[in-house]
C-alpha atoms as a PDB file:
ATOM      1  CA  MET A   1     -47.913 -39.113  42.244  1.00  0.00           C
ATOM      2  CA  MET A   2     -48.996 -39.512  45.847  1.00  0.00           C
ATOM      3  CA  GLU A   3     -46.527 -41.072  48.273  1.00  0.00           C
ATOM      4  CA  MET A   4     -47.835 -44.052  50.256  1.00  0.00           C
ATOM      5  CA  THR A   5     -47.395 -43.771  53.992  1.00  0.00           C
ATOM      6  CA  PRO A   6     -46.399 -47.020  55.643  1.00  0.00           C
ATOM      7  CA  MET A   7     -49.302 -48.891  57.205  1.00  0.00           C
ATOM      8  CA  SER A   8     -49.379 -51.559  59.870  1.00  0.00           C
ATOM      9  CA  PRO A   9     -49.738 -55.178  58.691  1.00  0.00           C
ATOM     10  CA  ARG A  10     -53.296 -56.314  58.002  1.00  0.00           C
ATOM     11  CA  ARG A  11     -52.781 -59.939  59.062  1.00  0.00           C
ATOM     12  CA  PRO A  12     -53.818 -59.530  62.740  1.00  0.00           C
ATOM     13  CA  TYR A  13     -57.009 -57.703  61.739  1.00  0.00           C
ATOM     14  CA  LEU A  14     -57.952 -60.282  59.112  1.00  0.00           C
ATOM     15  CA  LEU A  15     -57.118 -63.115  61.524  1.00  0.00           C
ATOM     16  CA  ARG A  16     -59.365 -61.681  64.251  1.00  0.00           C
ATOM     17  CA  ALA A  17     -62.191 -61.101  61.761  1.00  0.00           C
ATOM     18  CA  HIS A  18     -62.003 -64.621  60.304  1.00  0.00           C
ATOM     19  CA  TYR A  19     -61.700 -66.191  63.754  1.00  0.00           C
ATOM     20  CA  GLU A  20     -64.866 -64.439  64.975  1.00  0.00           C
ATOM     21  CA  TRP A  21     -66.694 -65.157  61.710  1.00  0.00           C
ATOM     22  CA  LEU A  22     -65.908 -68.889  61.966  1.00  0.00           C
ATOM     23  CA  LEU A  23     -67.071 -69.002  65.602  1.00  0.00           C
ATOM     24  CA  ASP A  24     -70.265 -67.088  64.751  1.00  0.00           C
ATOM     25  CA  ASN A  25     -71.008 -69.771  62.161  1.00  0.00           C
ATOM     26  CA  ASP A  26     -70.398 -72.653  64.610  1.00  0.00           C
ATOM     27  CA  MET A  27     -67.208 -73.730  62.843  1.00  0.00           C
ATOM     28  CA  THR A  28     -63.953 -74.964  64.398  1.00  0.00           C
ATOM     29  CA  PRO A  29     -61.135 -72.490  63.609  1.00  0.00           C
ATOM     30  CA  HIS A  30     -57.683 -73.870  62.873  1.00  0.00           C
ATOM     31  CA  LEU A  31     -54.415 -71.998  62.341  1.00  0.00           C
ATOM     32  CA  VAL A  32     -51.642 -73.096  59.984  1.00  0.00           C
ATOM     33  CA  VAL A  33     -48.302 -72.053  61.489  1.00  0.00           C
ATOM     34  CA  ASP A  34     -44.819 -71.955  59.937  1.00  0.00           C
ATOM     35  CA  VAL A  35     -42.684 -73.525  62.680  1.00  0.00           C
ATOM     36  CA  THR A  36     -39.425 -72.361  61.064  1.00  0.00           C
ATOM     37  CA  VAL A  37     -40.097 -68.714  62.014  1.00  0.00           C
ATOM     38  CA  PRO A  38     -38.008 -67.567  65.004  1.00  0.00           C
ATOM     39  CA  ASP A  39     -39.707 -67.476  68.429  1.00  0.00           C
ATOM     40  CA  VAL A  40     -42.497 -69.937  67.492  1.00  0.00           C
ATOM     41  CA  ASN A  41     -43.290 -71.968  70.612  1.00  0.00           C
ATOM     42  CA  VAL A  42     -45.410 -74.980  69.644  1.00  0.00           C
ATOM     43  CA  PRO A  43     -45.094 -78.718  70.325  1.00  0.00           C
ATOM     44  CA  MET A  44     -42.597 -79.549  67.572  1.00  0.00           C
ATOM     45  CA  GLU A  45     -43.330 -83.275  67.803  1.00  0.00           C
ATOM     46  CA  PHE A  46     -46.664 -82.577  66.070  1.00  0.00           C
ATOM     47  CA  ALA A  47     -45.159 -80.461  63.245  1.00  0.00           C
ATOM     48  CA  ARG A  48     -44.923 -81.871  59.719  1.00  0.00           C
ATOM     49  CA  ASP A  49     -43.046 -80.370  56.757  1.00  0.00           C
ATOM     50  CA  GLY A  50     -42.239 -77.189  58.676  1.00  0.00           C
ATOM     51  CA  GLN A  51     -45.876 -76.556  59.584  1.00  0.00           C
ATOM     52  CA  ILE A  52     -48.331 -77.322  62.349  1.00  0.00           C
ATOM     53  CA  VAL A  53     -52.115 -77.028  62.346  1.00  0.00           C
ATOM     54  CA  LEU A  54     -53.589 -75.822  65.635  1.00  0.00           C
ATOM     55  CA  ASN A  55     -57.219 -76.135  66.724  1.00  0.00           C
ATOM     56  CA  VAL A  56     -57.978 -72.764  68.333  1.00  0.00           C
ATOM     57  CA  ALA A  57     -61.657 -73.305  69.132  1.00  0.00           C
ATOM     58  CA  PRO A  58     -62.598 -71.944  72.575  1.00  0.00           C
ATOM     59  CA  ARG A  59     -63.297 -75.471  73.847  1.00  0.00           C
ATOM     60  CA  ALA A  60     -59.766 -76.560  72.858  1.00  0.00           C
ATOM     61  CA  VAL A  61     -57.725 -73.662  74.270  1.00  0.00           C
ATOM     62  CA  GLY A  62     -57.484 -71.516  77.373  1.00  0.00           C
ATOM     63  CA  ASN A  63     -56.307 -67.920  77.845  1.00  0.00           C
ATOM     64  CA  PHE A  64     -56.560 -67.326  74.085  1.00  0.00           C
ATOM     65  CA  GLU A  65     -55.214 -63.954  72.921  1.00  0.00           C
ATOM     66  CA  ILE A  66     -54.767 -62.419  69.478  1.00  0.00           C
ATOM     67  CA  THR A  67     -52.712 -59.215  69.543  1.00  0.00           C
ATOM     68  CA  ASN A  68     -51.209 -57.293  66.641  1.00  0.00           C
ATOM     69  CA  GLU A  69     -47.899 -59.089  67.229  1.00  0.00           C
ATOM     70  CA  GLU A  70     -48.813 -62.615  68.340  1.00  0.00           C
ATOM     71  CA  VAL A  71     -51.264 -65.374  69.134  1.00  0.00           C
ATOM     72  CA  ARG A  72     -50.871 -67.095  72.498  1.00  0.00           C
ATOM     73  CA  PHE A  73     -52.879 -69.671  74.402  1.00  0.00           C
ATOM     74  CA  ASN A  74     -52.747 -72.767  76.605  1.00  0.00           C
ATOM     75  CA  ALA A  75     -53.787 -76.169  75.266  1.00  0.00           C
ATOM     76  CA  ARG A  76     -53.311 -79.884  75.755  1.00  0.00           C
ATOM     77  CA  PHE A  77     -51.216 -81.868  73.308  1.00  0.00           C
ATOM     78  CA  GLY A  78     -51.289 -85.598  73.869  1.00  0.00           C
ATOM     79  CA  GLY A  79     -52.841 -84.914  77.286  1.00  0.00           C
ATOM     80  CA  VAL A  80     -49.966 -82.664  78.368  1.00  0.00           C
ATOM     81  CA  PRO A  81     -50.830 -79.010  79.096  1.00  0.00           C
ATOM     82  CA  ARG A  82     -48.637 -76.613  77.111  1.00  0.00           C
ATOM     83  CA  GLN A  83     -48.271 -72.891  76.533  1.00  0.00           C
ATOM     84  CA  VAL A  84     -48.268 -71.884  72.836  1.00  0.00           C
ATOM     85  CA  TYR A  85     -46.802 -68.684  71.397  1.00  0.00           C
ATOM     86  CA  VAL A  86     -46.956 -67.823  67.688  1.00  0.00           C
ATOM     87  CA  PRO A  87     -45.625 -64.538  66.272  1.00  0.00           C
ATOM     88  CA  MET A  88     -48.049 -63.042  63.748  1.00  0.00           C
ATOM     89  CA  SER A  89     -45.412 -63.450  61.004  1.00  0.00           C
ATOM     90  CA  ALA A  90     -45.606 -67.262  61.419  1.00  0.00           C
ATOM     91  CA  ILE A  91     -49.370 -67.537  60.850  1.00  0.00           C
ATOM     92  CA  MET A  92     -49.948 -68.742  57.312  1.00  0.00           C
ATOM     93  CA  ALA A  93     -53.713 -69.365  57.261  1.00  0.00           C
ATOM     94  CA  VAL A  94     -56.932 -69.625  59.261  1.00  0.00           C
ATOM     95  CA  TYR A  95     -59.702 -71.990  58.199  1.00  0.00           C
ATOM     96  CA  ALA A  96     -62.710 -74.020  59.374  1.00  0.00           C
ATOM     97  CA  ARG A  97     -62.120 -77.715  59.927  1.00  0.00           C
ATOM     98  CA  GLU A  98     -65.637 -78.563  58.759  1.00  0.00           C
ATOM     99  CA  ASN A  99     -65.555 -77.000  55.282  1.00  0.00           C
ATOM    100  CA  GLY A 100     -62.189 -75.292  54.714  1.00  0.00           C
ATOM    101  CA  ALA A 101     -63.665 -71.765  54.721  1.00  0.00           C
ATOM    102  CA  GLY A 102     -61.086 -69.150  55.674  1.00  0.00           C
ATOM    103  CA  MET A 103     -58.030 -67.593  54.090  1.00  0.00           C
ATOM    104  CA  MET A 104     -54.325 -67.937  53.461  1.00  0.00           C
ATOM    105  CA  PHE A 105     -52.306 -64.851  54.302  1.00  0.00           C
ATOM    106  CA  GLU A 106     -50.136 -63.206  51.674  1.00  0.00           C
ATOM    107  CA  PRO A 107     -46.591 -62.166  52.516  1.00  0.00           C
ATOM    108  CA  GLU A 108     -46.367 -58.649  53.963  1.00  0.00           C
ATOM    109  CA  THR A 109     -43.320 -56.413  53.783  1.00  0.00           C
ATOM    110  CA  ALA A 110     -43.460 -55.651  57.523  1.00  0.00           C
ATOM    111  CA  TYR A 111     -43.002 -59.358  58.275  1.00  0.00           C
ATOM    112  CA  ASP A 112     -40.399 -59.880  55.539  1.00  0.00           C
ATOM    113  CA  ALA A 113     -38.237 -57.144  57.100  1.00  0.00           C
ATOM    114  CA  GLU A 114     -38.756 -58.656  60.576  1.00  0.00           C
ATOM    115  CA  LEU A 115     -37.739 -62.125  59.402  1.00  0.00           C
ATOM    116  CA  SER A 116     -34.717 -61.015  57.362  1.00  0.00           C
ATOM    117  CA  SER A 117     -33.337 -58.891  60.216  1.00  0.00           C
ATOM    118  CA  GLY A 118     -33.384 -61.878  62.567  1.00  0.00           C
ATOM    119  CA  VAL A 119     -31.834 -64.417  60.183  1.00  0.00           C
ATOM    120  CA  GLU A 120     -28.225 -63.680  61.168  1.00  0.00           C
ATOM    121  CA  ASP A 121     -29.009 -64.177  64.861  1.00  0.00           C
ATOM    122  CA  ILE A 122     -30.686 -67.564  64.491  1.00  0.00           C
ATOM    123  CA  GLU A 123     -29.014 -70.497  66.172  1.00  0.00           C
ATOM    124  CA  GLU A 124     -30.276 -74.048  66.359  1.00  0.00           C
ATOM    125  CA  PRO A 125     -33.909 -73.935  67.457  1.00  0.00           C
ATOM    126  CA  GLU A 126     -34.586 -75.298  70.892  1.00  0.00           C
ATOM    127  CA  ASP A 127     -37.751 -76.963  72.070  1.00  0.00           C
ATOM    128  CA  ASN A 128     -38.775 -74.178  74.435  1.00  0.00           C
ATOM    129  CA  ILE A 129     -42.241 -75.424  75.272  1.00  0.00           C
ATOM    130  CA  THR A 130     -43.445 -74.588  78.747  1.00  0.00           C
ATOM    131  CA  LEU A 131     -45.736 -76.767  80.797  1.00  0.00           C
ATOM    132  CA  VAL A 132     -48.714 -74.925  82.251  1.00  0.00           C
ATOM    133  CA  HIS A 133     -50.622 -75.614  85.408  1.00  0.00           C
ATOM    134  CA  GLU A 134     -54.003 -77.319  85.316  1.00  0.00           C
ATOM    135  CA  ALA A 135     -55.638 -74.150  86.688  1.00  0.00           C
ATOM    136  CA  ASP A 136     -54.746 -72.230  83.488  1.00  0.00           C
ATOM    137  CA  LEU A 137     -56.777 -74.564  81.275  1.00  0.00           C
ATOM    138  CA  PRO A 138     -60.536 -74.533  80.839  1.00  0.00           C
ATOM    139  CA  ASP A 139     -62.395 -77.114  82.900  1.00  0.00           C
ATOM    140  CA  GLU A 140     -62.913 -80.129  80.634  1.00  0.00           C
ATOM    141  CA  SER A 141     -66.133 -81.146  82.367  1.00  0.00           C
ATOM    142  CA  SER A 142     -67.785 -77.833  81.442  1.00  0.00           C
ATOM    143  CA  GLN A 143     -66.771 -78.033  77.795  1.00  0.00           C
ATOM    144  CA  GLU A 144     -69.150 -79.241  75.155  1.00  0.00           C
ATOM    145  CA  PRO A 145     -67.972 -82.408  73.400  1.00  0.00           C
ATOM    146  CA  SER A 146     -66.042 -81.905  70.174  1.00  0.00           C
ATOM    147  CA  GLY A 147     -67.414 -83.159  66.887  1.00  0.00           C
ATOM    148  CA  ASP A 148     -64.583 -85.702  66.632  1.00  0.00           C
ATOM    149  CA  GLU A 149     -65.664 -87.917  69.512  1.00  0.00           C
ATOM    150  CA  PRO A 150     -69.045 -89.491  70.169  1.00  0.00           C
ATOM    151  CA  PRO A 151     -70.562 -88.362  73.493  1.00  0.00           C
ATOM    152  CA  ARG A 152     -69.792 -90.661  76.385  1.00  0.00           C
ATOM    153  CA  PRO A 153     -72.801 -92.263  78.071  1.00  0.00           C
ATOM    154  CA  PRO A 154     -73.243 -91.485  81.763  1.00  0.00           C
ATOM    155  CA  LYS A 155     -71.999 -94.133  84.155  1.00  0.00           C
ATOM    156  CA  GLY A 156     -74.379 -96.227  86.213  1.00  0.00           C
ATOM    157  CA  ARG A 157     -77.734 -97.824  85.423  1.00  0.00           C
ATOM    158  CA  PRO A 158     -79.644 -96.800  82.327  1.00  0.00           C
ATOM    159  CA  ALA A 159     -82.368 -94.247  83.060  1.00  0.00           C
ATOM    160  CA  LEU A 160     -84.901 -95.464  80.468  1.00  0.00           C
ATOM    161  CA  ARG A 161     -88.002 -97.389  81.521  1.00  0.00           C
ATOM    162  CA  VAL A 162     -90.439 -99.421  79.457  1.00  0.00           C
ATOM    163  CA  VAL A 163     -93.881 -97.792  79.477  1.00  0.00           C
ATOM    164  CA  LYS A 164     -96.927 -99.844  78.390  1.00  0.00           C
END
């Protein structure tokens, strides 16, 4: 029998592929995050049942990075700019808001070992969210409007004229 050599986790590769695929298809990617995993830095006031769903569309986040170990970005939550950090082991799923296309991630032994080794060291979680400066966020005026809100009409007099 052939011995299996250990391989790196596939989650970061699948996450990057699904993220790009959703963007290529004009969908809005969302991440489901387990907020009980150590080192997760998200706005806990928006978490429900140990999870939070994060809109990670380019128009919603700034300085977005997916590495093999983490996802990090800047975003506004309730109008307040925040810095978000999610270890790869805490990402449970990626999907499109519009139709649910995407995938849930299966448990991987590399992450199980990482989580079990840190369990003894865990103390009460703190809300370690960091405020970010306005300059770190994308300019809202240059962003296209999201599908959730109707476009705002320009201020001033209407530009339409009656032509006979």
